[in-house]
Amino acid sequence: MKQIADIPKTGQLYKNVSPIALELTTCTVLAIDPSIGSSSSAPGWAVYTPKGLYKSGTIDTGGSHLPLWKRARKLGDEIKSLCEDFGPEVLVYEDIPASSGFNANAQASLLKAVGIVLASSDTEVCLGIHPASWKNYVRPTYTKGDEEDAIEIGWVAIELARHIRKGAATSSTKRTRRSVQD
């Protein structure tokens, strides 16, 4: 299993997290595993504070028997409600690639869910993470599930941000010591 410290500095995940590392480690973060709801999937969510995981769950979009537009509205309403309840400053979401080997209907549904999540959130900072990126760095205790996916998506982003900030602090300290010794 790969470790957060193994994430390459030249990789897209590192590049995307670096500019918002401070926000990820000091603000309230809402992590979303998007879905519009189907017979096998529900949107998962997790809220992190600077102290760690605060709360998590799944969103009931009404069931796959409902028309897509009704499930989409429910998802949007629930994302707005999570933002009102927890006041996140940062949204971290699974950024579904335009083509990823899913069947076309599942792909279209997931892409719509991402759009709804982004449009419904009122956070100033948003971070999309490619599924392959976060899945490569999950904890050994991770088990597949909608809520669990949201928890891990948030955890990977926040732990990478902590790693980046720790490295920056160490690097800054080393530079200061060198200049003092010169």
C-alpha atoms as a PDB file:
ATOM      1  CA  MET A   1       0.000   0.000   0.000  1.00  0.00           C
ATOM      2  CA  LYS A   2       1.326   3.414  -0.982  1.00  0.00           C
ATOM      3  CA  GLN A   3       1.844   6.096   1.644  1.00  0.00           C
ATOM      4  CA  ILE A   4       0.875   9.771   1.438  1.00  0.00           C
ATOM      5  CA  ALA A   5       4.587  10.647   1.522  1.00  0.00           C
ATOM      6  CA  ASP A   6       4.951   8.649  -1.727  1.00  0.00           C
ATOM      7  CA  ILE A   7       2.720  11.021  -3.709  1.00  0.00           C
ATOM      8  CA  PRO A   8       5.024  12.554  -6.312  1.00  0.00           C
ATOM      9  CA  LYS A   9       5.541  16.305  -6.158  1.00  0.00           C
ATOM     10  CA  THR A  10       5.264  16.376  -9.933  1.00  0.00           C
ATOM     11  CA  GLY A  11       1.885  14.601  -9.935  1.00  0.00           C
ATOM     12  CA  GLN A  12      -1.454  16.309 -10.475  1.00  0.00           C
ATOM     13  CA  LEU A  13      -2.783  15.491  -6.994  1.00  0.00           C
ATOM     14  CA  TYR A  14       0.212  17.148  -5.316  1.00  0.00           C
ATOM     15  CA  LYS A  15      -0.023  20.152  -7.641  1.00  0.00           C
ATOM     16  CA  ASN A  16      -3.738  20.577  -6.940  1.00  0.00           C
ATOM     17  CA  VAL A  17      -3.445  20.253  -3.156  1.00  0.00           C
ATOM     18  CA  SER A  18      -0.344  22.462  -2.701  1.00  0.00           C
ATOM     19  CA  PRO A  19      -2.013  25.861  -3.234  1.00  0.00           C
ATOM     20  CA  ILE A  20      -4.810  25.062  -0.764  1.00  0.00           C
ATOM     21  CA  ALA A  21      -2.845  23.074   1.813  1.00  0.00           C
ATOM     22  CA  LEU A  22      -3.411  25.734   4.478  1.00  0.00           C
ATOM     23  CA  GLU A  23      -7.193  25.743   3.961  1.00  0.00           C
ATOM     24  CA  LEU A  24      -7.371  21.943   3.961  1.00  0.00           C
ATOM     25  CA  THR A  25      -5.636  21.752   7.324  1.00  0.00           C
ATOM     26  CA  THR A  26      -7.203  24.710   9.123  1.00  0.00           C
ATOM     27  CA  CYS A  27     -10.781  24.951   7.815  1.00  0.00           C
ATOM     28  CA  THR A  28     -13.913  22.833   7.773  1.00  0.00           C
ATOM     29  CA  VAL A  29     -13.868  20.498   4.767  1.00  0.00           C
ATOM     30  CA  LEU A  30     -16.822  18.762   3.127  1.00  0.00           C
ATOM     31  CA  ALA A  31     -15.816  15.673   1.139  1.00  0.00           C
ATOM     32  CA  ILE A  32     -18.268  14.202  -1.354  1.00  0.00           C
ATOM     33  CA  ASP A  33     -18.353  10.892  -3.205  1.00  0.00           C
ATOM     34  CA  PRO A  34     -20.807  11.907  -5.938  1.00  0.00           C
ATOM     35  CA  SER A  35     -23.744   9.884  -7.183  1.00  0.00           C
ATOM     36  CA  ILE A  36     -27.309  10.677  -8.115  1.00  0.00           C
ATOM     37  CA  GLY A  37     -28.399   7.483  -6.447  1.00  0.00           C
ATOM     38  CA  SER A  38     -28.994   4.118  -7.992  1.00  0.00           C
ATOM     39  CA  SER A  39     -29.819   0.655  -6.802  1.00  0.00           C
ATOM     40  CA  SER A  40     -26.137   0.137  -5.932  1.00  0.00           C
ATOM     41  CA  SER A  41     -24.837   3.594  -5.019  1.00  0.00           C
ATOM     42  CA  ALA A  42     -25.681   6.663  -2.962  1.00  0.00           C
ATOM     43  CA  PRO A  43     -23.785   9.925  -2.553  1.00  0.00           C
ATOM     44  CA  GLY A  44     -21.430   9.750   0.407  1.00  0.00           C
ATOM     45  CA  TRP A  45     -20.277  12.704   2.479  1.00  0.00           C
ATOM     46  CA  ALA A  46     -17.817  13.455   5.256  1.00  0.00           C
ATOM     47  CA  VAL A  47     -17.132  16.613   7.241  1.00  0.00           C
ATOM     48  CA  TYR A  48     -13.656  17.270   8.609  1.00  0.00           C
ATOM     49  CA  THR A  49     -12.632  19.963  11.049  1.00  0.00           C
ATOM     50  CA  PRO A  50      -8.997  20.761  11.886  1.00  0.00           C
ATOM     51  CA  LYS A  51      -9.345  18.141  14.658  1.00  0.00           C
ATOM     52  CA  GLY A  52     -10.282  15.342  12.228  1.00  0.00           C
ATOM     53  CA  LEU A  53     -13.369  13.553  10.962  1.00  0.00           C
ATOM     54  CA  TYR A  54     -16.422  15.187  12.520  1.00  0.00           C
ATOM     55  CA  LYS A  55     -19.375  13.467  10.884  1.00  0.00           C
ATOM     56  CA  SER A  56     -20.217  11.403   7.804  1.00  0.00           C
ATOM     57  CA  GLY A  57     -23.069   9.683   6.064  1.00  0.00           C
ATOM     58  CA  THR A  58     -24.893   9.088   2.816  1.00  0.00           C
ATOM     59  CA  ILE A  59     -27.547  11.110   1.055  1.00  0.00           C
ATOM     60  CA  ASP A  60     -30.887   9.489   0.333  1.00  0.00           C
ATOM     61  CA  THR A  61     -31.874  10.752  -3.107  1.00  0.00           C
ATOM     62  CA  GLY A  62     -35.174   8.908  -3.005  1.00  0.00           C
ATOM     63  CA  GLY A  63     -34.274   5.669  -4.735  1.00  0.00           C
ATOM     64  CA  SER A  64     -33.552   4.644  -8.287  1.00  0.00           C
ATOM     65  CA  HIS A  65     -37.265   4.251  -9.008  1.00  0.00           C
ATOM     66  CA  LEU A  66     -37.584   8.055  -9.044  1.00  0.00           C
ATOM     67  CA  PRO A  67     -36.881  10.012 -12.221  1.00  0.00           C
ATOM     68  CA  LEU A  68     -33.362  11.345 -12.578  1.00  0.00           C
ATOM     69  CA  TRP A  69     -34.452  14.977 -12.265  1.00  0.00           C
ATOM     70  CA  LYS A  70     -36.067  14.341  -8.876  1.00  0.00           C
ATOM     71  CA  ARG A  71     -32.963  12.580  -7.564  1.00  0.00           C
ATOM     72  CA  ALA A  72     -30.815  15.405  -8.946  1.00  0.00           C
ATOM     73  CA  ARG A  73     -32.887  18.037  -7.124  1.00  0.00           C
ATOM     74  CA  LYS A  74     -32.744  16.033  -3.899  1.00  0.00           C
ATOM     75  CA  LEU A  75     -28.951  15.777  -4.207  1.00  0.00           C
ATOM     76  CA  GLY A  76     -28.661  19.533  -4.734  1.00  0.00           C
ATOM     77  CA  ASP A  77     -30.941  20.281  -1.787  1.00  0.00           C
ATOM     78  CA  GLU A  78     -28.965  17.938   0.474  1.00  0.00           C
ATOM     79  CA  ILE A  79     -25.604  19.447  -0.524  1.00  0.00           C
ATOM     80  CA  LYS A  80     -26.997  22.910   0.260  1.00  0.00           C
ATOM     81  CA  SER A  81     -28.258  21.593   3.602  1.00  0.00           C
ATOM     82  CA  LEU A  82     -24.839  20.107   4.475  1.00  0.00           C
ATOM     83  CA  CYS A  83     -23.241  23.462   3.669  1.00  0.00           C
ATOM     84  CA  GLU A  84     -25.762  25.286   5.869  1.00  0.00           C
ATOM     85  CA  ASP A  85     -25.354  22.805   8.730  1.00  0.00           C
ATOM     86  CA  PHE A  86     -21.554  22.575   8.774  1.00  0.00           C
ATOM     87  CA  GLY A  87     -20.331  25.764   7.055  1.00  0.00           C
ATOM     88  CA  PRO A  88     -17.447  24.197   5.137  1.00  0.00           C
ATOM     89  CA  GLU A  89     -14.899  26.498   3.564  1.00  0.00           C
ATOM     90  CA  VAL A  90     -13.505  23.741   1.325  1.00  0.00           C
ATOM     91  CA  LEU A  91     -15.252  21.171  -0.877  1.00  0.00           C
ATOM     92  CA  VAL A  92     -13.309  18.061  -1.854  1.00  0.00           C
ATOM     93  CA  TYR A  93     -15.034  15.782  -4.337  1.00  0.00           C
ATOM     94  CA  GLU A  94     -14.272  12.792  -6.499  1.00  0.00           C
ATOM     95  CA  ASP A  95     -13.700  14.279  -9.937  1.00  0.00           C
ATOM     96  CA  ILE A  96     -15.063  11.723 -12.366  1.00  0.00           C
ATOM     97  CA  PRO A  97     -13.044  11.656 -15.598  1.00  0.00           C
ATOM     98  CA  ALA A  98     -14.896  12.198 -18.879  1.00  0.00           C
ATOM     99  CA  SER A  99     -14.223   8.605 -19.863  1.00  0.00           C
ATOM    100  CA  SER A 100     -13.216   5.953 -17.420  1.00  0.00           C
ATOM    101  CA  GLY A 101     -14.442   2.595 -18.633  1.00  0.00           C
ATOM    102  CA  PHE A 102     -17.917   2.897 -17.066  1.00  0.00           C
ATOM    103  CA  ASN A 103     -20.924   2.177 -19.167  1.00  0.00           C
ATOM    104  CA  ALA A 104     -22.249   5.323 -20.847  1.00  0.00           C
ATOM    105  CA  ASN A 105     -25.340   5.665 -18.610  1.00  0.00           C
ATOM    106  CA  ALA A 106     -23.362   5.306 -15.383  1.00  0.00           C
ATOM    107  CA  GLN A 107     -20.761   7.763 -16.678  1.00  0.00           C
ATOM    108  CA  ALA A 108     -23.392  10.352 -17.601  1.00  0.00           C
ATOM    109  CA  SER A 109     -25.090   9.980 -14.220  1.00  0.00           C
ATOM    110  CA  LEU A 110     -21.819  10.462 -12.312  1.00  0.00           C
ATOM    111  CA  LEU A 111     -20.846  13.506 -14.366  1.00  0.00           C
ATOM    112  CA  LYS A 112     -24.254  15.049 -13.671  1.00  0.00           C
ATOM    113  CA  ALA A 113     -23.781  14.366  -9.971  1.00  0.00           C
ATOM    114  CA  VAL A 114     -20.419  16.179  -9.967  1.00  0.00           C
ATOM    115  CA  GLY A 115     -22.039  19.181 -11.645  1.00  0.00           C
ATOM    116  CA  ILE A 116     -24.846  19.237  -9.098  1.00  0.00           C
ATOM    117  CA  VAL A 117     -22.396  19.008  -6.192  1.00  0.00           C
ATOM    118  CA  LEU A 118     -20.327  21.900  -7.543  1.00  0.00           C
ATOM    119  CA  ALA A 119     -23.374  24.061  -8.294  1.00  0.00           C
ATOM    120  CA  SER A 120     -24.981  23.399  -4.913  1.00  0.00           C
ATOM    121  CA  SER A 121     -21.963  24.002  -2.696  1.00  0.00           C
ATOM    122  CA  ASP A 122     -21.265  27.517  -1.495  1.00  0.00           C
ATOM    123  CA  THR A 123     -17.621  26.934  -0.600  1.00  0.00           C
ATOM    124  CA  GLU A 124     -14.982  29.313  -1.916  1.00  0.00           C
ATOM    125  CA  VAL A 125     -12.424  26.535  -2.449  1.00  0.00           C
ATOM    126  CA  CYS A 126     -13.095  23.326  -4.406  1.00  0.00           C
ATOM    127  CA  LEU A 127     -10.736  20.429  -5.025  1.00  0.00           C
ATOM    128  CA  GLY A 128     -11.524  17.609  -7.428  1.00  0.00           C
ATOM    129  CA  ILE A 129      -9.576  14.395  -6.963  1.00  0.00           C
ATOM    130  CA  HIS A 130      -9.381  11.756  -9.682  1.00  0.00           C
ATOM    131  CA  PRO A 131     -10.592   8.343  -8.431  1.00  0.00           C
ATOM    132  CA  ALA A 132      -7.289   6.632  -9.218  1.00  0.00           C
ATOM    133  CA  SER A 133      -5.408   9.274  -7.211  1.00  0.00           C
ATOM    134  CA  TRP A 134      -7.182   8.861  -3.891  1.00  0.00           C
ATOM    135  CA  LYS A 135      -7.705   5.105  -4.234  1.00  0.00           C
ATOM    136  CA  ASN A 136      -3.942   4.581  -4.494  1.00  0.00           C
ATOM    137  CA  TYR A 137      -3.412   6.056  -1.025  1.00  0.00           C
ATOM    138  CA  VAL A 138      -6.259   4.757   1.146  1.00  0.00           C
ATOM    139  CA  ARG A 139      -5.581   3.509   4.648  1.00  0.00           C
ATOM    140  CA  PRO A 140      -5.322  -0.226   5.336  1.00  0.00           C
ATOM    141  CA  THR A 141      -8.585  -0.003   7.309  1.00  0.00           C
ATOM    142  CA  TYR A 142     -10.543   1.293   4.290  1.00  0.00           C
ATOM    143  CA  THR A 143     -13.487  -0.766   3.091  1.00  0.00           C
ATOM    144  CA  LYS A 144     -15.425   0.058  -0.073  1.00  0.00           C
ATOM    145  CA  GLY A 145     -18.686   1.922   0.478  1.00  0.00           C
ATOM    146  CA  ASP A 146     -20.328   5.237  -0.367  1.00  0.00           C
ATOM    147  CA  GLU A 147     -19.773   6.853   3.041  1.00  0.00           C
ATOM    148  CA  GLU A 148     -16.354   5.241   3.376  1.00  0.00           C
ATOM    149  CA  ASP A 149     -15.317   6.598  -0.033  1.00  0.00           C
ATOM    150  CA  ALA A 150     -16.178  10.149   1.029  1.00  0.00           C
ATOM    151  CA  ILE A 151     -14.223   9.676   4.246  1.00  0.00           C
ATOM    152  CA  GLU A 152     -11.145   8.487   2.349  1.00  0.00           C
ATOM    153  CA  ILE A 153     -11.385  11.189  -0.331  1.00  0.00           C
ATOM    154  CA  GLY A 154     -11.278  13.817   2.417  1.00  0.00           C
ATOM    155  CA  TRP A 155      -8.606  12.003   4.389  1.00  0.00           C
ATOM    156  CA  VAL A 156      -6.227  11.693   1.420  1.00  0.00           C
ATOM    157  CA  ALA A 157      -6.571  15.402   0.571  1.00  0.00           C
ATOM    158  CA  ILE A 158      -6.085  16.539   4.170  1.00  0.00           C
ATOM    159  CA  GLU A 159      -3.197  14.190   4.918  1.00  0.00           C
ATOM    160  CA  LEU A 160      -1.406  15.255   1.742  1.00  0.00           C
ATOM    161  CA  ALA A 161      -1.947  18.899   2.735  1.00  0.00           C
ATOM    162  CA  ARG A 162      -0.460  18.169   6.179  1.00  0.00           C
ATOM    163  CA  HIS A 163       2.499  16.441   4.537  1.00  0.00           C
ATOM    164  CA  ILE A 164       3.044  19.411   2.213  1.00  0.00           C
ATOM    165  CA  ARG A 165       2.835  21.918   5.056  1.00  0.00           C
ATOM    166  CA  LYS A 166       5.175  19.850   7.228  1.00  0.00           C
ATOM    167  CA  GLY A 167       7.681  19.685   4.363  1.00  0.00           C
ATOM    168  CA  ALA A 168       7.408  23.431   3.798  1.00  0.00           C
ATOM    169  CA  ALA A 169       7.973  24.093   7.508  1.00  0.00           C
ATOM    170  CA  THR A 170      10.961  21.742   7.589  1.00  0.00           C
ATOM    171  CA  SER A 171      12.380  23.258   4.413  1.00  0.00           C
ATOM    172  CA  SER A 172      11.904  26.771   5.782  1.00  0.00           C
ATOM    173  CA  THR A 173      13.607  25.816   9.053  1.00  0.00           C
ATOM    174  CA  LYS A 174      16.541  24.279   7.197  1.00  0.00           C
ATOM    175  CA  ARG A 175      16.991  27.411   5.064  1.00  0.00           C
ATOM    176  CA  THR A 176      16.969  29.604   8.141  1.00  0.00           C
ATOM    177  CA  ARG A 177      19.597  27.461   9.837  1.00  0.00           C
ATOM    178  CA  ARG A 178      21.820  27.493   6.765  1.00  0.00           C
ATOM    179  CA  SER A 179      21.669  31.261   6.483  1.00  0.00           C
ATOM    180  CA  VAL A 180      22.509  31.612  10.179  1.00  0.00           C
ATOM    181  CA  GLN A 181      25.524  29.345   9.758  1.00  0.00           C
ATOM    182  CA  ASP A 182      26.771  31.240   6.694  1.00  0.00           C
END
